[in-house]
Amino acid sequence: MARNLLIAALAGAMLAALPAHAQESEPALDGAPPPLQLPRPAPPAPKPAAPKPAVSDSALKAEQARLARQAEAQKSEQARLASLAADLEARRQRLDIREQALAAQEAEYTRKMASLDQLPTAPLRSDEPPRYRLSYDDARRACTRAGMSEAVDQDFYSARYESAPRFFERQREMRGVMRLDDRDGYLSVDTVCRLDANGAVVRFDVLR
């Protein structure tokens, strides 16, 4: 009896499982509607580009005129710079020539001063009356005034001793280098200033 009950229970369980298995394995019927699918959201439409403003003929002409003026200004500036460079080069060449001339004058001055130092001086006679004693400062002031007068006669502005001149009291003679100034610069020259017994300049020589 128990055996029959067990067989009946197994058969009932098998019958209950048949509809579910049949549904899983049964193919889709022809003509059945497809499974429901949700549509994907459409991508956002691109924003239209902003239209470029149209350039008017007057604005185009104004821009062209501005560029032309700018090019002309650059050309003028280049010409000015080229002229300035040429002027600087000319000045440099003049300075080089002047420096060479001053070097030659200095060498000539050294030679002349050496020759003047070798000149014999006349001795004072014992019966000669005593002379007025001329100081170094008085002789320098008198010779500076004479040098200034000589410089003005030669179209210079001023004249002064570049360094302390040498004063030969017995000969009443002052020798030194003077600087003569003009609009282009200056010129160094050798000078010999001779004075009389009263301290007045009797002769002023420029040795070139």
Protein backbone atom coordinates (compact mmCIF):
# COMPACT_ATOMS: atom_id res chain seq x y z
CA MET A 1 0.00 0.00 0.00
CA ALA A 2 2.74 2.34 0.96
CA ARG A 3 4.49 1.47 -2.26
CA ASN A 4 1.46 2.46 -4.32
CA LEU A 5 1.21 5.75 -2.48
CA LEU A 6 4.87 6.57 -3.22
CA ILE A 7 4.44 5.80 -6.91
CA ALA A 8 1.35 7.99 -7.10
CA ALA A 9 3.16 10.92 -5.44
CA LEU A 10 6.08 10.73 -7.90
CA ALA A 11 3.73 10.61 -10.85
CA GLY A 12 1.85 13.65 -9.59
CA ALA A 13 5.11 15.61 -9.19
CA MET A 14 6.20 14.69 -12.73
CA LEU A 15 2.90 15.82 -14.19
CA ALA A 16 3.08 19.15 -12.38
CA ALA A 17 6.55 19.88 -13.82
CA LEU A 18 5.62 19.15 -17.43
CA PRO A 19 3.82 22.51 -18.30
CA ALA A 20 6.75 24.66 -17.05
CA HIS A 21 9.29 22.60 -18.97
CA ALA A 22 7.13 22.74 -22.05
CA GLN A 23 6.93 26.54 -21.85
CA GLU A 24 10.73 26.91 -21.53
CA SER A 25 11.53 24.64 -24.44
CA GLU A 26 8.70 25.63 -26.72
CA PRO A 27 9.87 27.81 -29.61
CA ALA A 28 8.25 31.12 -30.36
CA LEU A 29 5.18 30.87 -32.46
CA ASP A 30 5.18 32.24 -35.97
CA GLY A 31 3.44 35.61 -36.19
CA ALA A 32 3.93 36.41 -32.51
CA PRO A 33 4.94 40.03 -31.73
CA PRO A 34 8.66 40.62 -30.93
CA PRO A 35 9.63 41.41 -27.41
CA LEU A 36 9.06 44.99 -26.36
CA GLN A 37 12.22 47.14 -26.71
CA LEU A 38 12.50 50.71 -25.42
CA PRO A 39 13.97 53.14 -27.98
CA ARG A 40 17.38 54.66 -27.16
CA PRO A 41 17.40 58.43 -26.59
CA ALA A 42 18.55 60.37 -29.68
CA PRO A 43 21.86 62.30 -29.35
CA PRO A 44 21.44 66.08 -28.98
CA ALA A 45 21.50 67.96 -32.25
CA PRO A 46 24.67 70.10 -32.76
CA LYS A 47 24.21 73.82 -32.24
CA PRO A 48 24.32 75.77 -35.45
CA ALA A 49 27.47 77.92 -35.79
CA ALA A 50 26.95 81.62 -35.41
CA PRO A 51 27.13 83.30 -38.78
CA LYS A 52 30.24 85.47 -39.28
CA PRO A 53 29.48 89.12 -39.75
CA ALA A 54 30.00 90.24 -43.27
CA VAL A 55 32.91 92.65 -43.80
CA SER A 56 31.87 95.77 -45.57
CA ASP A 57 33.91 97.32 -48.37
CA SER A 58 34.56 100.46 -46.36
CA ALA A 59 35.94 98.47 -43.42
CA LEU A 60 38.14 96.44 -45.79
CA LYS A 61 39.50 99.59 -47.40
CA ALA A 62 40.15 101.17 -44.01
CA GLU A 63 42.13 98.11 -42.92
CA GLN A 64 44.15 98.13 -46.13
CA ALA A 65 44.91 101.82 -45.64
CA ARG A 66 46.02 101.17 -42.06
CA LEU A 67 48.36 98.40 -43.16
CA ALA A 68 49.78 100.63 -45.88
CA ARG A 69 50.46 103.41 -43.35
CA GLN A 70 52.09 100.94 -41.01
CA ALA A 71 54.36 99.63 -43.78
CA GLU A 72 55.30 103.20 -44.74
CA ALA A 73 56.12 104.04 -41.11
CA GLN A 74 58.33 100.96 -40.85
CA LYS A 75 60.13 101.94 -44.05
CA SER A 76 60.73 105.46 -42.73
CA GLU A 77 62.05 104.12 -39.44
CA GLN A 78 64.44 101.79 -41.23
CA ALA A 79 65.71 104.70 -43.33
CA ARG A 80 66.20 106.81 -40.20
CA LEU A 81 68.13 104.06 -38.44
CA ALA A 82 70.31 103.53 -41.50
CA SER A 83 71.07 107.28 -41.65
CA LEU A 84 71.89 107.31 -37.94
CA ALA A 85 74.24 104.35 -38.31
CA ALA A 86 76.01 106.06 -41.21
CA ASP A 87 76.39 109.27 -39.17
CA LEU A 88 77.82 107.35 -36.22
CA GLU A 89 80.28 105.59 -38.48
CA ALA A 90 81.40 108.92 -39.97
CA ARG A 91 81.89 110.35 -36.47
CA ARG A 92 83.91 107.33 -35.45
CA GLN A 93 86.17 107.75 -38.46
CA ARG A 94 86.65 111.46 -37.66
CA LEU A 95 87.54 110.61 -34.07
CA ASP A 96 90.05 108.03 -35.24
CA ILE A 97 91.67 110.56 -37.56
CA ARG A 98 91.75 113.16 -34.79
CA GLU A 99 93.26 110.67 -32.36
CA GLN A 100 96.00 109.87 -34.86
CA ALA A 101 96.64 113.58 -35.39
CA LEU A 102 96.89 114.20 -31.64
CA ALA A 103 99.30 111.31 -31.27
CA ALA A 104 101.46 112.78 -34.04
CA GLN A 105 101.30 116.22 -32.39
CA GLU A 106 102.32 114.77 -29.06
CA ALA A 107 105.31 113.07 -30.65
CA GLU A 108 106.23 116.33 -32.39
CA TYR A 109 105.87 118.22 -29.12
CA THR A 110 108.20 115.81 -27.36
CA ARG A 111 110.75 116.26 -30.11
CA LYS A 112 110.52 120.06 -30.06
CA MET A 113 110.70 120.30 -26.29
CA ALA A 114 113.79 118.14 -26.33
CA SER A 115 115.37 120.41 -28.92
CA LEU A 116 114.42 123.53 -26.93
CA ASP A 117 115.97 122.12 -23.78
CA GLN A 118 119.24 121.76 -25.66
CA LEU A 119 119.34 125.41 -26.75
CA PRO A 120 122.15 127.37 -25.07
CA THR A 121 121.11 130.21 -22.82
CA ALA A 122 122.92 133.54 -22.73
CA PRO A 123 124.56 134.12 -19.34
CA LEU A 124 123.68 137.25 -17.39
CA ARG A 125 126.26 139.99 -17.53
CA SER A 126 127.68 141.19 -14.26
CA ASP A 127 126.96 144.83 -15.16
CA GLU A 128 123.29 144.16 -16.10
CA PRO A 129 120.85 145.99 -13.79
CA PRO A 130 118.70 143.79 -11.53
CA ARG A 131 115.45 142.68 -13.10
CA TYR A 132 111.94 142.61 -11.73
CA ARG A 133 111.43 139.21 -10.12
CA LEU A 134 108.49 137.61 -11.92
CA SER A 135 106.59 134.92 -10.03
CA TYR A 136 105.38 131.69 -11.57
CA ASP A 137 101.72 132.59 -11.07
CA ASP A 138 102.11 136.03 -12.70
CA ALA A 139 103.89 134.49 -15.69
CA ARG A 140 101.21 131.80 -16.06
CA ARG A 141 98.34 134.31 -15.93
CA ALA A 142 100.03 136.53 -18.52
CA CYS A 143 100.76 133.59 -20.84
CA THR A 144 97.22 132.19 -20.42
CA ARG A 145 95.77 135.53 -21.54
CA ALA A 146 98.14 135.54 -24.52
CA GLY A 147 97.08 131.95 -25.38
CA MET A 148 93.40 132.92 -25.18
CA SER A 149 93.99 135.82 -27.56
CA GLU A 150 95.84 133.54 -29.96
CA ALA A 151 93.02 130.93 -29.78
CA VAL A 152 90.34 133.53 -30.58
CA ASP A 153 92.38 134.72 -33.56
CA GLN A 154 92.34 131.14 -34.86
CA ASP A 155 88.55 130.71 -34.37
CA PHE A 156 88.77 128.71 -31.15
CA TYR A 157 86.59 129.30 -28.12
CA SER A 158 89.10 129.06 -25.32
CA ALA A 159 92.65 128.11 -24.40
CA ARG A 160 94.15 126.78 -21.19
CA TYR A 161 97.13 124.79 -20.08
CA GLU A 162 96.45 121.08 -19.88
CA SER A 163 99.04 120.63 -17.14
CA ALA A 164 101.42 122.85 -15.19
CA PRO A 165 103.72 124.59 -17.69
CA ARG A 166 107.43 124.93 -17.11
CA PHE A 167 108.76 128.39 -16.28
CA PHE A 168 112.36 129.30 -16.99
CA GLU A 169 112.89 132.34 -14.83
CA ARG A 170 116.32 133.32 -16.16
CA GLN A 171 115.06 133.31 -19.74
CA ARG A 172 111.61 134.60 -18.72
CA GLU A 173 110.06 131.89 -20.82
CA MET A 174 107.12 129.58 -20.15
CA ARG A 175 106.61 126.35 -22.09
CA GLY A 176 103.65 124.02 -21.93
CA VAL A 177 100.79 122.23 -23.71
CA MET A 178 97.61 124.23 -24.22
CA ARG A 179 94.19 122.91 -25.05
CA LEU A 180 92.28 124.89 -27.67
CA ASP A 181 88.53 124.19 -27.70
CA ASP A 182 86.12 124.61 -30.61
CA ARG A 183 82.73 123.24 -31.68
CA ASP A 184 84.22 120.00 -32.99
CA GLY A 185 86.23 119.19 -29.89
CA TYR A 186 89.66 120.34 -28.83
CA LEU A 187 93.22 120.55 -30.08
CA SER A 188 96.37 120.17 -27.98
CA VAL A 189 99.30 122.34 -29.07
CA ASP A 190 102.76 123.13 -27.74
CA THR A 191 103.34 126.76 -26.78
CA VAL A 192 106.28 128.97 -25.89
CA CYS A 193 105.52 132.25 -24.10
CA ARG A 194 108.28 134.89 -23.71
CA LEU A 195 107.99 137.80 -21.30
CA ASP A 196 109.90 141.01 -20.78
CA ALA A 197 111.50 142.29 -17.61
CA ASN A 198 108.18 143.73 -16.44
CA GLY A 199 106.24 140.50 -16.91
CA ALA A 200 104.48 141.49 -20.16
CA VAL A 201 104.24 138.95 -22.98
CA VAL A 202 106.51 139.95 -25.85
CA ARG A 203 105.95 136.82 -27.95
CA PHE A 204 103.64 133.84 -27.91
CA ASP A 205 104.41 130.96 -30.28
CA VAL A 206 102.26 127.92 -31.08
CA LEU A 207 104.38 124.94 -32.12
CA ARG A 208 102.44 122.58 -34.35
